[in-house]
Amino acid sequence: VPWSPLAGGFLTGKYARGDTADSGRLSGPNPFGDSKFAERNWDILEVLKAVARELDRPPAQVALAWVMARKGVGSTLIGARTVAQLESNIAATTIVLSDDQMQRLDHASAPVPGFSASLAQPGVRRMVFGGHGVAGWGERKTSTTSAR
């Protein structure tokens, strides 16, 4: 079940790139990382708004429709504060995104490997394990993961 599909309100479209990080409910640091007012997040929001304009729907509805259209998603959590927000969120279930729109949203929001992802590289793993290869969870032993 996806949690916070609207990124705490950021994907509603009510914030603009020129807003200062000290304005609105999302001001200040994000407890899960940097401020939501990061360049990467603005880029994602621009693609979301473009798709929303094509469909003549609010960005929040398109964001929810995208989440619900993802493989393996049977439900999502919403955090509507008002009846109008709840009704708008429910209306997202009527949106059908085209393959092109899905691909654009997927591409814009694809996770970027961070520092910790580099620790999974075979060379780093061999160094950490004293020259021995160690298979991670779900990996099959191969010549690069088996101990020598």
N, C-alpha and C. Protein backbone atom coordinates (compact mmCIF):
# COMPACT_ATOMS: atom_id res chain seq x y z
N VAL A 1 0.85 -1.17 0.00
CA VAL A 1 0.00 0.00 0.00
C VAL A 1 0.90 1.24 0.00
N PRO A 2 0.89 1.99 -1.07
CA PRO A 2 1.71 3.21 -1.11
C PRO A 2 1.30 4.20 -0.02
N TRP A 3 2.29 4.77 0.59
CA TRP A 3 2.08 5.74 1.66
C TRP A 3 2.44 7.13 1.15
N SER A 4 1.66 8.11 1.47
CA SER A 4 1.88 9.51 1.10
C SER A 4 2.01 9.71 -0.40
N PRO A 5 1.01 9.25 -1.17
CA PRO A 5 1.11 9.36 -2.63
C PRO A 5 1.14 10.80 -3.15
N LEU A 6 0.76 11.75 -2.32
CA LEU A 6 0.81 13.16 -2.74
C LEU A 6 2.00 13.88 -2.10
N ALA A 7 2.95 13.11 -1.56
CA ALA A 7 4.16 13.67 -0.95
C ALA A 7 3.82 14.76 0.06
N GLY A 8 2.89 14.43 0.94
CA GLY A 8 2.53 15.38 1.98
C GLY A 8 1.89 16.66 1.47
N GLY A 9 1.32 16.62 0.27
CA GLY A 9 0.67 17.79 -0.31
C GLY A 9 1.48 18.45 -1.41
N PHE A 10 2.76 18.08 -1.54
CA PHE A 10 3.61 18.70 -2.55
C PHE A 10 3.06 18.46 -3.96
N LEU A 11 2.54 17.25 -4.22
CA LEU A 11 2.07 16.92 -5.57
C LEU A 11 0.65 17.41 -5.87
N THR A 12 0.09 18.21 -4.98
CA THR A 12 -1.22 18.79 -5.27
C THR A 12 -1.11 19.92 -6.28
N GLY A 13 0.10 20.45 -6.44
CA GLY A 13 0.30 21.54 -7.39
C GLY A 13 0.13 22.92 -6.79
N LYS A 14 -0.12 22.99 -5.48
CA LYS A 14 -0.34 24.32 -4.89
C LYS A 14 0.96 25.07 -4.63
N TYR A 15 2.08 24.39 -4.72
CA TYR A 15 3.38 25.04 -4.52
C TYR A 15 4.00 25.36 -5.87
N ALA A 16 4.77 26.44 -5.92
CA ALA A 16 5.45 26.84 -7.15
C ALA A 16 6.96 26.87 -6.90
N ARG A 17 7.71 26.65 -7.97
CA ARG A 17 9.17 26.58 -7.86
C ARG A 17 9.76 27.81 -7.17
N GLY A 18 9.15 28.95 -7.33
CA GLY A 18 9.67 30.17 -6.73
C GLY A 18 9.33 30.33 -5.25
N ASP A 19 8.48 29.45 -4.72
CA ASP A 19 8.13 29.54 -3.30
C ASP A 19 9.38 29.35 -2.45
N THR A 20 9.41 30.04 -1.33
CA THR A 20 10.54 29.86 -0.42
C THR A 20 10.29 28.64 0.45
N ALA A 21 11.35 28.05 0.91
CA ALA A 21 11.24 26.85 1.73
C ALA A 21 10.60 27.14 3.08
N ASP A 22 10.40 28.40 3.43
CA ASP A 22 9.79 28.72 4.72
C ASP A 22 8.32 29.10 4.60
N SER A 23 7.72 28.81 3.43
CA SER A 23 6.30 29.13 3.26
C SER A 23 5.48 27.85 3.19
N GLY A 24 4.34 27.86 3.83
CA GLY A 24 3.42 26.74 3.75
C GLY A 24 3.73 25.61 4.72
N ARG A 25 2.85 24.64 4.71
CA ARG A 25 2.93 23.50 5.61
C ARG A 25 4.17 22.65 5.38
N LEU A 26 4.71 22.65 4.17
CA LEU A 26 5.87 21.81 3.86
C LEU A 26 7.19 22.51 4.13
N SER A 27 7.15 23.64 4.80
CA SER A 27 8.39 24.36 5.05
C SER A 27 9.27 23.57 6.02
N GLY A 28 10.54 23.84 5.95
CA GLY A 28 11.48 23.19 6.85
C GLY A 28 11.93 21.85 6.32
N PRO A 29 12.79 21.20 7.07
CA PRO A 29 13.36 19.94 6.59
C PRO A 29 12.34 18.81 6.58
N ASN A 30 12.52 17.94 5.64
CA ASN A 30 11.71 16.73 5.53
C ASN A 30 12.33 15.70 6.48
N PRO A 31 11.56 15.09 7.38
CA PRO A 31 12.16 14.12 8.31
C PRO A 31 12.75 12.91 7.60
N PHE A 32 12.43 12.72 6.33
CA PHE A 32 12.94 11.57 5.59
C PHE A 32 14.04 11.97 4.61
N GLY A 33 14.61 13.12 4.77
CA GLY A 33 15.66 13.56 3.86
C GLY A 33 15.66 15.07 3.78
N ASP A 34 16.03 15.59 2.64
CA ASP A 34 16.11 17.03 2.46
C ASP A 34 14.71 17.62 2.29
N SER A 35 14.64 18.92 2.16
CA SER A 35 13.38 19.62 1.95
C SER A 35 12.68 19.07 0.71
N LYS A 36 11.37 19.09 0.73
CA LYS A 36 10.63 18.67 -0.47
C LYS A 36 10.83 19.66 -1.60
N PHE A 37 11.32 20.87 -1.28
CA PHE A 37 11.57 21.89 -2.29
C PHE A 37 12.93 21.65 -2.95
N ALA A 38 13.19 20.43 -3.39
CA ALA A 38 14.44 20.07 -4.06
C ALA A 38 14.21 20.10 -5.57
N GLU A 39 15.25 20.38 -6.33
CA GLU A 39 15.14 20.48 -7.80
C GLU A 39 14.50 19.24 -8.41
N ARG A 40 14.92 18.06 -7.98
CA ARG A 40 14.37 16.82 -8.54
C ARG A 40 12.87 16.76 -8.34
N ASN A 41 12.39 17.18 -7.17
CA ASN A 41 10.95 17.16 -6.90
C ASN A 41 10.20 18.17 -7.77
N TRP A 42 10.80 19.34 -8.00
CA TRP A 42 10.17 20.32 -8.89
C TRP A 42 10.07 19.76 -10.31
N ASP A 43 11.10 19.04 -10.75
CA ASP A 43 11.07 18.44 -12.09
C ASP A 43 9.95 17.42 -12.21
N ILE A 44 9.77 16.61 -11.17
CA ILE A 44 8.68 15.62 -11.15
C ILE A 44 7.34 16.35 -11.22
N LEU A 45 7.21 17.41 -10.42
CA LEU A 45 5.96 18.16 -10.38
C LEU A 45 5.64 18.79 -11.74
N GLU A 46 6.64 19.25 -12.46
CA GLU A 46 6.41 19.83 -13.80
C GLU A 46 5.82 18.80 -14.75
N VAL A 47 6.34 17.57 -14.73
CA VAL A 47 5.81 16.52 -15.60
C VAL A 47 4.39 16.18 -15.17
N LEU A 48 4.16 16.07 -13.87
CA LEU A 48 2.82 15.79 -13.35
C LEU A 48 1.82 16.86 -13.79
N LYS A 49 2.21 18.13 -13.69
CA LYS A 49 1.31 19.22 -14.09
C LYS A 49 1.04 19.19 -15.60
N ALA A 50 2.03 18.82 -16.39
CA ALA A 50 1.83 18.74 -17.84
C ALA A 50 0.79 17.67 -18.17
N VAL A 51 0.90 16.51 -17.54
CA VAL A 51 -0.07 15.43 -17.77
C VAL A 51 -1.44 15.88 -17.26
N ALA A 52 -1.49 16.55 -16.13
CA ALA A 52 -2.77 17.03 -15.58
C ALA A 52 -3.44 18.01 -16.55
N ARG A 53 -2.65 18.88 -17.17
CA ARG A 53 -3.23 19.82 -18.16
C ARG A 53 -3.80 19.06 -19.35
N GLU A 54 -3.09 18.03 -19.81
CA GLU A 54 -3.58 17.23 -20.94
C GLU A 54 -4.94 16.61 -20.64
N LEU A 55 -5.11 16.19 -19.40
CA LEU A 55 -6.35 15.51 -18.99
C LEU A 55 -7.40 16.47 -18.43
N ASP A 56 -7.03 17.74 -18.26
CA ASP A 56 -7.90 18.73 -17.64
C ASP A 56 -8.36 18.26 -16.26
N ARG A 57 -7.40 17.76 -15.50
CA ARG A 57 -7.66 17.28 -14.14
C ARG A 57 -6.64 17.89 -13.19
N PRO A 58 -6.94 17.97 -11.91
CA PRO A 58 -5.97 18.50 -10.94
C PRO A 58 -4.76 17.56 -10.81
N PRO A 59 -3.58 18.12 -10.55
CA PRO A 59 -2.38 17.29 -10.38
C PRO A 59 -2.55 16.21 -9.31
N ALA A 60 -3.25 16.52 -8.22
CA ALA A 60 -3.44 15.52 -7.16
C ALA A 60 -4.16 14.29 -7.70
N GLN A 61 -5.19 14.50 -8.52
CA GLN A 61 -5.92 13.36 -9.09
C GLN A 61 -5.02 12.54 -10.00
N VAL A 62 -4.21 13.20 -10.80
CA VAL A 62 -3.32 12.48 -11.73
C VAL A 62 -2.27 11.70 -10.94
N ALA A 63 -1.74 12.30 -9.88
CA ALA A 63 -0.75 11.59 -9.05
C ALA A 63 -1.37 10.33 -8.45
N LEU A 64 -2.58 10.45 -7.94
CA LEU A 64 -3.25 9.28 -7.36
C LEU A 64 -3.57 8.24 -8.43
N ALA A 65 -4.01 8.68 -9.60
CA ALA A 65 -4.30 7.75 -10.69
C ALA A 65 -3.03 7.00 -11.11
N TRP A 66 -1.90 7.70 -11.15
CA TRP A 66 -0.63 7.07 -11.51
C TRP A 66 -0.25 6.01 -10.47
N VAL A 67 -0.39 6.34 -9.20
CA VAL A 67 -0.06 5.38 -8.14
C VAL A 67 -0.95 4.15 -8.26
N MET A 68 -2.26 4.37 -8.46
CA MET A 68 -3.19 3.24 -8.52
C MET A 68 -3.01 2.39 -9.77
N ALA A 69 -2.42 2.96 -10.83
CA ALA A 69 -2.21 2.22 -12.08
C ALA A 69 -0.93 1.39 -12.06
N ARG A 70 -0.11 1.54 -11.02
CA ARG A 70 1.16 0.82 -10.95
C ARG A 70 0.92 -0.66 -10.65
N LYS A 71 1.74 -1.50 -11.24
CA LYS A 71 1.62 -2.95 -10.99
C LYS A 71 1.76 -3.24 -9.51
N GLY A 72 0.91 -4.13 -9.03
CA GLY A 72 0.99 -4.57 -7.64
C GLY A 72 0.31 -3.67 -6.64
N VAL A 73 -0.26 -2.57 -7.09
CA VAL A 73 -0.94 -1.65 -6.17
C VAL A 73 -2.43 -1.94 -6.20
N GLY A 74 -2.97 -2.32 -5.05
CA GLY A 74 -4.39 -2.59 -4.95
C GLY A 74 -5.14 -1.50 -4.21
N SER A 75 -4.39 -0.65 -3.52
CA SER A 75 -4.99 0.42 -2.73
C SER A 75 -3.90 1.44 -2.42
N THR A 76 -4.29 2.59 -1.96
CA THR A 76 -3.32 3.60 -1.53
C THR A 76 -3.92 4.40 -0.38
N LEU A 77 -3.08 4.97 0.43
CA LEU A 77 -3.53 5.79 1.54
C LEU A 77 -3.69 7.23 1.08
N ILE A 78 -4.78 7.85 1.51
CA ILE A 78 -4.98 9.26 1.20
C ILE A 78 -5.14 10.01 2.52
N GLY A 79 -4.88 11.29 2.49
CA GLY A 79 -4.96 12.08 3.71
C GLY A 79 -5.80 13.32 3.53
N ALA A 80 -7.00 13.14 3.05
CA ALA A 80 -7.88 14.29 2.81
C ALA A 80 -8.26 14.94 4.13
N ARG A 81 -8.19 16.28 4.17
CA ARG A 81 -8.59 17.03 5.36
C ARG A 81 -10.03 17.52 5.26
N THR A 82 -10.54 17.62 4.03
CA THR A 82 -11.89 18.16 3.83
C THR A 82 -12.70 17.19 2.96
N VAL A 83 -14.01 17.36 2.99
CA VAL A 83 -14.88 16.54 2.14
C VAL A 83 -14.55 16.79 0.67
N ALA A 84 -14.26 18.04 0.30
CA ALA A 84 -13.93 18.36 -1.09
C ALA A 84 -12.65 17.63 -1.53
N GLN A 85 -11.65 17.57 -0.65
CA GLN A 85 -10.42 16.84 -0.98
C GLN A 85 -10.72 15.35 -1.13
N LEU A 86 -11.54 14.81 -0.25
CA LEU A 86 -11.91 13.39 -0.34
C LEU A 86 -12.61 13.10 -1.66
N GLU A 87 -13.57 13.94 -2.03
CA GLU A 87 -14.29 13.75 -3.29
C GLU A 87 -13.35 13.84 -4.48
N SER A 88 -12.41 14.78 -4.43
CA SER A 88 -11.44 14.92 -5.51
C SER A 88 -10.54 13.69 -5.60
N ASN A 89 -10.11 13.19 -4.44
CA ASN A 89 -9.27 11.99 -4.44
C ASN A 89 -10.01 10.78 -5.00
N ILE A 90 -11.27 10.65 -4.64
CA ILE A 90 -12.08 9.53 -5.15
C ILE A 90 -12.25 9.65 -6.66
N ALA A 91 -12.38 10.87 -7.18
CA ALA A 91 -12.52 11.08 -8.62
C ALA A 91 -11.30 10.60 -9.40
N ALA A 92 -10.17 10.47 -8.73
CA ALA A 92 -8.96 9.97 -9.39
C ALA A 92 -9.14 8.55 -9.91
N THR A 93 -10.07 7.81 -9.33
CA THR A 93 -10.29 6.42 -9.76
C THR A 93 -10.88 6.34 -11.16
N THR A 94 -11.38 7.45 -11.68
CA THR A 94 -11.98 7.44 -13.03
C THR A 94 -10.97 7.78 -14.12
N ILE A 95 -9.76 8.15 -13.75
CA ILE A 95 -8.75 8.56 -14.73
C ILE A 95 -8.04 7.34 -15.30
N VAL A 96 -7.92 7.32 -16.62
CA VAL A 96 -7.14 6.29 -17.30
C VAL A 96 -5.98 7.00 -17.99
N LEU A 97 -4.77 6.69 -17.56
CA LEU A 97 -3.58 7.31 -18.15
C LEU A 97 -3.14 6.52 -19.37
N SER A 98 -2.71 7.22 -20.40
CA SER A 98 -2.19 6.54 -21.60
C SER A 98 -0.82 5.95 -21.29
N ASP A 99 -0.37 5.05 -22.15
CA ASP A 99 0.97 4.47 -21.98
C ASP A 99 2.03 5.56 -21.98
N ASP A 100 1.88 6.55 -22.86
CA ASP A 100 2.84 7.65 -22.92
C ASP A 100 2.85 8.44 -21.62
N GLN A 101 1.69 8.73 -21.08
CA GLN A 101 1.62 9.48 -19.83
C GLN A 101 2.23 8.69 -18.68
N MET A 102 1.94 7.39 -18.62
CA MET A 102 2.54 6.54 -17.59
C MET A 102 4.06 6.54 -17.71
N GLN A 103 4.56 6.40 -18.94
CA GLN A 103 6.01 6.36 -19.14
C GLN A 103 6.66 7.67 -18.72
N ARG A 104 6.04 8.79 -19.04
CA ARG A 104 6.60 10.09 -18.66
C ARG A 104 6.64 10.26 -17.14
N LEU A 105 5.57 9.85 -16.48
CA LEU A 105 5.54 9.94 -15.02
C LEU A 105 6.52 8.96 -14.39
N ASP A 106 6.60 7.75 -14.94
CA ASP A 106 7.57 6.75 -14.45
C ASP A 106 8.99 7.28 -14.58
N HIS A 107 9.31 7.81 -15.75
CA HIS A 107 10.66 8.30 -16.02
C HIS A 107 11.02 9.46 -15.08
N ALA A 108 10.10 10.39 -14.92
CA ALA A 108 10.38 11.56 -14.09
C ALA A 108 10.60 11.19 -12.63
N SER A 109 9.88 10.18 -12.15
CA SER A 109 9.92 9.85 -10.73
C SER A 109 10.76 8.62 -10.41
N ALA A 110 11.47 8.08 -11.39
CA ALA A 110 12.28 6.89 -11.14
C ALA A 110 13.29 7.16 -10.03
N PRO A 111 13.40 6.23 -9.08
CA PRO A 111 14.35 6.43 -7.98
C PRO A 111 15.77 6.59 -8.51
N VAL A 112 16.50 7.48 -7.87
CA VAL A 112 17.90 7.71 -8.23
C VAL A 112 18.75 6.96 -7.22
N PRO A 113 19.59 6.04 -7.70
CA PRO A 113 20.43 5.31 -6.74
C PRO A 113 21.31 6.27 -5.95
N GLY A 114 21.31 6.11 -4.67
CA GLY A 114 22.13 6.96 -3.81
C GLY A 114 23.42 6.26 -3.42
N PHE A 115 24.08 6.81 -2.45
CA PHE A 115 25.36 6.27 -2.01
C PHE A 115 25.25 4.80 -1.63
N SER A 116 24.20 4.44 -0.88
CA SER A 116 24.10 3.06 -0.40
C SER A 116 23.99 2.06 -1.54
N ALA A 117 23.46 2.46 -2.69
CA ALA A 117 23.37 1.54 -3.83
C ALA A 117 24.75 1.15 -4.32
N SER A 118 25.72 2.04 -4.18
CA SER A 118 27.08 1.72 -4.64
C SER A 118 27.70 0.62 -3.79
N LEU A 119 27.22 0.43 -2.58
CA LEU A 119 27.76 -0.61 -1.71
C LEU A 119 27.41 -2.01 -2.20
N ALA A 120 26.42 -2.13 -3.09
CA ALA A 120 26.01 -3.43 -3.61
C ALA A 120 26.81 -3.86 -4.83
N GLN A 121 27.70 -3.00 -5.32
CA GLN A 121 28.50 -3.35 -6.50
C GLN A 121 29.41 -4.52 -6.16
N PRO A 122 29.58 -5.47 -7.09
CA PRO A 122 30.38 -6.68 -6.81
C PRO A 122 31.78 -6.38 -6.29
N GLY A 123 32.47 -5.41 -6.87
CA GLY A 123 33.83 -5.10 -6.42
C GLY A 123 33.87 -4.62 -4.99
N VAL A 124 32.92 -3.78 -4.61
CA VAL A 124 32.86 -3.28 -3.24
C VAL A 124 32.53 -4.41 -2.29
N ARG A 125 31.60 -5.27 -2.69
CA ARG A 125 31.22 -6.40 -1.83
C ARG A 125 32.39 -7.34 -1.61
N ARG A 126 33.19 -7.61 -2.66
CA ARG A 126 34.36 -8.49 -2.50
C ARG A 126 35.36 -7.86 -1.53
N MET A 127 35.55 -6.53 -1.63
CA MET A 127 36.48 -5.85 -0.73
C MET A 127 35.98 -5.94 0.72
N VAL A 128 34.69 -5.70 0.92
CA VAL A 128 34.12 -5.74 2.26
C VAL A 128 34.23 -7.13 2.87
N PHE A 129 34.06 -8.15 2.05
CA PHE A 129 34.09 -9.52 2.55
C PHE A 129 35.44 -10.19 2.35
N GLY A 130 36.51 -9.41 2.34
CA GLY A 130 37.86 -9.96 2.31
C GLY A 130 38.19 -10.74 1.05
N GLY A 131 37.68 -10.29 -0.08
CA GLY A 131 37.97 -10.96 -1.34
C GLY A 131 36.99 -12.06 -1.70
N HIS A 132 36.10 -12.38 -0.80
CA HIS A 132 35.10 -13.42 -1.06
C HIS A 132 33.82 -12.80 -1.58
N GLY A 133 33.19 -13.49 -2.49
CA GLY A 133 31.89 -13.04 -2.98
C GLY A 133 30.81 -13.59 -2.08
N VAL A 134 29.82 -12.77 -1.76
CA VAL A 134 28.71 -13.20 -0.92
C VAL A 134 27.42 -12.84 -1.63
N ALA A 135 26.54 -13.83 -1.80
CA ALA A 135 25.25 -13.59 -2.46
C ALA A 135 24.32 -12.86 -1.49
N GLY A 136 23.66 -11.82 -1.99
CA GLY A 136 22.69 -11.10 -1.18
C GLY A 136 21.36 -11.83 -1.18
N TRP A 137 20.41 -11.29 -0.42
CA TRP A 137 19.09 -11.90 -0.36
C TRP A 137 18.50 -11.98 -1.76
N GLY A 138 17.98 -13.12 -2.12
CA GLY A 138 17.33 -13.29 -3.41
C GLY A 138 18.28 -13.47 -4.58
N GLU A 139 19.59 -13.42 -4.34
CA GLU A 139 20.55 -13.62 -5.42
C GLU A 139 20.95 -15.09 -5.48
N ARG A 140 21.24 -15.52 -6.67
CA ARG A 140 21.76 -16.88 -6.85
C ARG A 140 23.27 -16.79 -6.88
N LYS A 141 23.91 -17.81 -6.37
CA LYS A 141 25.37 -17.82 -6.41
C LYS A 141 25.84 -17.92 -7.85
N THR A 142 26.80 -17.10 -8.19
CA THR A 142 27.45 -17.15 -9.50
C THR A 142 28.94 -17.14 -9.25
N SER A 143 29.71 -17.15 -10.31
CA SER A 143 31.16 -17.14 -10.14
C SER A 143 31.63 -15.86 -9.45
N THR A 144 30.85 -14.77 -9.56
CA THR A 144 31.29 -13.52 -8.91
C THR A 144 30.82 -13.43 -7.47
N THR A 145 29.84 -14.27 -7.07
CA THR A 145 29.37 -14.21 -5.68
C THR A 145 29.86 -15.39 -4.86
N SER A 146 30.33 -16.45 -5.49
CA SER A 146 30.75 -17.61 -4.72
C SER A 146 32.14 -17.38 -4.15
N ALA A 147 32.37 -17.96 -2.98
CA ALA A 147 33.68 -17.82 -2.32
C ALA A 147 34.71 -18.62 -3.09
N ARG A 148 35.93 -18.11 -3.08
CA ARG A 148 37.01 -18.81 -3.78
C ARG A 148 38.02 -19.31 -2.82
